[in-house]
Amino acid sequence: MYDLPPDLDRLRTLETWLTLTLDRVRQQIKDIEQRQQPAPAPPPAPPRRPRTPDWGIVQAGIGTPTTEIHRGDCWAAGKTLTPITAERARTELGDGAKPCDACRPDRPLGMPPPGP
């Protein structure tokens, strides 16, 4: 096979060189394996916010003396806004529900303004 040196000093030197070479080979293998790994999957998307309804109703109760109709994006609707369809909003307004004074849902719904 190979002729090795007969003295201990040269054998130790050869051992050190082989160890360093083996470390370099192993590092090169690691680098290549990492490059061949598929890219990690992106993190999952955050949950989507529910769609803002076009219209909503706030039922009469504590703090709300009458049933009110709001546009879905109305700042004055509070947290109890229940989504409804445009047709139901028109029906509720026709049956006496009060349109919100801030967002005036009666205008885009084509309803006559509330009476005095």
C-alpha atoms as a PDB file:
ATOM      1  CA  MET A   1       0.000   0.000   0.000  1.00  0.00           C
ATOM      2  CA  TYR A   2       1.763   3.203   1.191  1.00  0.00           C
ATOM      3  CA  ASP A   3       5.106   3.303   2.813  1.00  0.00           C
ATOM      4  CA  LEU A   4       4.816   5.135   6.081  1.00  0.00           C
ATOM      5  CA  PRO A   5       7.706   6.933   7.705  1.00  0.00           C
ATOM      6  CA  PRO A   6       9.498   4.860  10.322  1.00  0.00           C
ATOM      7  CA  ASP A   7       9.870   7.557  13.009  1.00  0.00           C
ATOM      8  CA  LEU A   8       7.267   8.793  15.460  1.00  0.00           C
ATOM      9  CA  ASP A   9       7.665  12.524  14.721  1.00  0.00           C
ATOM     10  CA  ARG A  10       6.832  12.157  11.045  1.00  0.00           C
ATOM     11  CA  LEU A  11       3.965   9.760  11.836  1.00  0.00           C
ATOM     12  CA  ARG A  12       2.476  12.345  14.232  1.00  0.00           C
ATOM     13  CA  THR A  13       2.839  15.037  11.570  1.00  0.00           C
ATOM     14  CA  LEU A  14       1.102  12.801   9.044  1.00  0.00           C
ATOM     15  CA  GLU A  15      -1.660  12.062  11.554  1.00  0.00           C
ATOM     16  CA  THR A  16      -2.231  15.803  12.133  1.00  0.00           C
ATOM     17  CA  TRP A  17      -2.330  16.499   8.400  1.00  0.00           C
ATOM     18  CA  LEU A  18      -4.807  13.643   7.827  1.00  0.00           C
ATOM     19  CA  THR A  19      -7.016  14.834  10.708  1.00  0.00           C
ATOM     20  CA  LEU A  20      -7.095  18.382   9.349  1.00  0.00           C
ATOM     21  CA  THR A  21      -7.808  17.110   5.833  1.00  0.00           C
ATOM     22  CA  LEU A  22     -10.601  14.855   7.109  1.00  0.00           C
ATOM     23  CA  ASP A  23     -12.135  17.823   8.983  1.00  0.00           C
ATOM     24  CA  ARG A  24     -12.078  19.895   5.772  1.00  0.00           C
ATOM     25  CA  VAL A  25     -13.690  17.054   3.794  1.00  0.00           C
ATOM     26  CA  ARG A  26     -16.441  16.651   6.409  1.00  0.00           C
ATOM     27  CA  GLN A  27     -17.113  20.399   6.427  1.00  0.00           C
ATOM     28  CA  GLN A  28     -17.354  20.416   2.633  1.00  0.00           C
ATOM     29  CA  ILE A  29     -19.852  17.527   2.789  1.00  0.00           C
ATOM     30  CA  LYS A  30     -21.952  19.465   5.343  1.00  0.00           C
ATOM     31  CA  ASP A  31     -21.932  22.590   3.173  1.00  0.00           C
ATOM     32  CA  ILE A  32     -23.050  20.672   0.087  1.00  0.00           C
ATOM     33  CA  GLU A  33     -25.782  18.848   2.023  1.00  0.00           C
ATOM     34  CA  GLN A  34     -27.121  22.158   3.362  1.00  0.00           C
ATOM     35  CA  ARG A  35     -27.242  23.676  -0.116  1.00  0.00           C
ATOM     36  CA  GLN A  36     -29.138  20.650  -1.403  1.00  0.00           C
ATOM     37  CA  GLN A  37     -31.785  20.887   1.332  1.00  0.00           C
ATOM     38  CA  PRO A  38     -35.090  22.291   0.086  1.00  0.00           C
ATOM     39  CA  ALA A  39     -35.876  25.783   1.292  1.00  0.00           C
ATOM     40  CA  PRO A  40     -37.911  25.802   4.501  1.00  0.00           C
ATOM     41  CA  ALA A  41     -41.627  26.316   4.052  1.00  0.00           C
ATOM     42  CA  PRO A  42     -42.781  29.861   4.766  1.00  0.00           C
ATOM     43  CA  PRO A  43     -44.585  30.330   8.065  1.00  0.00           C
ATOM     44  CA  PRO A  44     -48.345  29.949   7.908  1.00  0.00           C
ATOM     45  CA  ALA A  45     -50.288  33.084   7.117  1.00  0.00           C
ATOM     46  CA  PRO A  46     -51.954  34.771  10.071  1.00  0.00           C
ATOM     47  CA  PRO A  47     -55.680  34.169  10.360  1.00  0.00           C
ATOM     48  CA  ARG A  48     -57.703  36.462   8.144  1.00  0.00           C
ATOM     49  CA  ARG A  49     -59.932  39.036   9.702  1.00  0.00           C
ATOM     50  CA  PRO A  50     -63.584  38.445   9.005  1.00  0.00           C
ATOM     51  CA  ARG A  51     -64.931  40.537   6.171  1.00  0.00           C
ATOM     52  CA  THR A  52     -66.558  43.791   7.248  1.00  0.00           C
ATOM     53  CA  PRO A  53     -70.289  43.483   6.591  1.00  0.00           C
ATOM     54  CA  ASP A  54     -71.957  46.047   4.359  1.00  0.00           C
ATOM     55  CA  TRP A  55     -74.799  46.611   6.834  1.00  0.00           C
ATOM     56  CA  GLY A  56     -75.470  45.840  10.454  1.00  0.00           C
ATOM     57  CA  ILE A  57     -78.087  46.091  13.133  1.00  0.00           C
ATOM     58  CA  VAL A  58     -77.736  46.872  16.816  1.00  0.00           C
ATOM     59  CA  GLN A  59     -80.756  45.673  18.768  1.00  0.00           C
ATOM     60  CA  ALA A  60     -82.357  47.886  21.398  1.00  0.00           C
ATOM     61  CA  GLY A  61     -81.086  47.182  24.877  1.00  0.00           C
ATOM     62  CA  ILE A  62     -78.939  48.643  27.622  1.00  0.00           C
ATOM     63  CA  GLY A  63     -77.325  51.775  26.224  1.00  0.00           C
ATOM     64  CA  THR A  64     -79.304  51.571  22.959  1.00  0.00           C
ATOM     65  CA  PRO A  65     -82.894  52.750  23.445  1.00  0.00           C
ATOM     66  CA  THR A  66     -83.986  51.803  19.908  1.00  0.00           C
ATOM     67  CA  THR A  67     -82.886  49.370  17.251  1.00  0.00           C
ATOM     68  CA  GLU A  68     -80.339  51.066  14.999  1.00  0.00           C
ATOM     69  CA  ILE A  69     -79.127  50.289  11.487  1.00  0.00           C
ATOM     70  CA  HIS A  70     -75.481  50.998  10.647  1.00  0.00           C
ATOM     71  CA  ARG A  71     -73.138  50.668   7.730  1.00  0.00           C
ATOM     72  CA  GLY A  72     -70.738  47.805   8.395  1.00  0.00           C
ATOM     73  CA  ASP A  73     -67.741  50.100   8.758  1.00  0.00           C
ATOM     74  CA  CYS A  74     -69.441  52.566  11.113  1.00  0.00           C
ATOM     75  CA  TRP A  75     -67.299  53.610  14.049  1.00  0.00           C
ATOM     76  CA  ALA A  76     -70.381  54.226  16.208  1.00  0.00           C
ATOM     77  CA  ALA A  77     -71.794  50.692  15.861  1.00  0.00           C
ATOM     78  CA  GLY A  78     -70.011  49.264  18.875  1.00  0.00           C
ATOM     79  CA  LYS A  79     -69.186  45.600  19.359  1.00  0.00           C
ATOM     80  CA  THR A  80     -72.736  44.259  19.127  1.00  0.00           C
ATOM     81  CA  LEU A  81     -73.207  44.912  15.398  1.00  0.00           C
ATOM     82  CA  THR A  82     -74.933  41.940  13.763  1.00  0.00           C
ATOM     83  CA  PRO A  83     -74.339  41.655  10.000  1.00  0.00           C
ATOM     84  CA  ILE A  84     -77.475  41.890   7.852  1.00  0.00           C
ATOM     85  CA  THR A  85     -78.287  42.130   4.152  1.00  0.00           C
ATOM     86  CA  ALA A  86     -79.180  45.379   2.413  1.00  0.00           C
ATOM     87  CA  GLU A  87     -82.739  44.103   1.944  1.00  0.00           C
ATOM     88  CA  ARG A  88     -83.141  43.432   5.664  1.00  0.00           C
ATOM     89  CA  ALA A  89     -81.649  46.859   6.447  1.00  0.00           C
ATOM     90  CA  ARG A  90     -84.281  48.473   4.199  1.00  0.00           C
ATOM     91  CA  THR A  91     -87.037  46.419   5.838  1.00  0.00           C
ATOM     92  CA  GLU A  92     -85.859  47.303   9.355  1.00  0.00           C
ATOM     93  CA  LEU A  93     -85.650  50.999   8.458  1.00  0.00           C
ATOM     94  CA  GLY A  94     -89.157  50.810   6.943  1.00  0.00           C
ATOM     95  CA  ASP A  95     -90.424  49.142  10.137  1.00  0.00           C
ATOM     96  CA  GLY A  96     -89.159  51.972  12.327  1.00  0.00           C
ATOM     97  CA  ALA A  97     -85.532  51.157  13.146  1.00  0.00           C
ATOM     98  CA  LYS A  98     -83.457  54.298  13.526  1.00  0.00           C
ATOM     99  CA  PRO A  99     -80.630  54.967  11.043  1.00  0.00           C
ATOM    100  CA  CYS A 100     -77.336  55.781  12.722  1.00  0.00           C
ATOM    101  CA  ASP A 101     -76.703  59.520  12.904  1.00  0.00           C
ATOM    102  CA  ALA A 102     -72.986  59.021  12.205  1.00  0.00           C
ATOM    103  CA  CYS A 103     -72.939  56.778   9.118  1.00  0.00           C
ATOM    104  CA  ARG A 104     -76.455  57.517   7.730  1.00  0.00           C
ATOM    105  CA  PRO A 105     -77.167  54.088   6.171  1.00  0.00           C
ATOM    106  CA  ASP A 106     -80.521  55.318   4.844  1.00  0.00           C
ATOM    107  CA  ARG A 107     -78.812  57.407   2.156  1.00  0.00           C
ATOM    108  CA  PRO A 108     -76.948  54.670   0.259  1.00  0.00           C
ATOM    109  CA  LEU A 109     -79.923  52.318   0.760  1.00  0.00           C
ATOM    110  CA  GLY A 110     -82.164  54.839  -1.043  1.00  0.00           C
ATOM    111  CA  MET A 111     -84.510  55.290   1.906  1.00  0.00           C
ATOM    112  CA  PRO A 112     -86.249  58.590   2.614  1.00  0.00           C
ATOM    113  CA  PRO A 113     -84.702  60.570   5.465  1.00  0.00           C
ATOM    114  CA  PRO A 114     -86.267  59.941   8.881  1.00  0.00           C
ATOM    115  CA  GLY A 115     -89.056  62.261   9.882  1.00  0.00           C
ATOM    116  CA  PRO A 116     -88.810  64.728  12.770  1.00  0.00           C
END
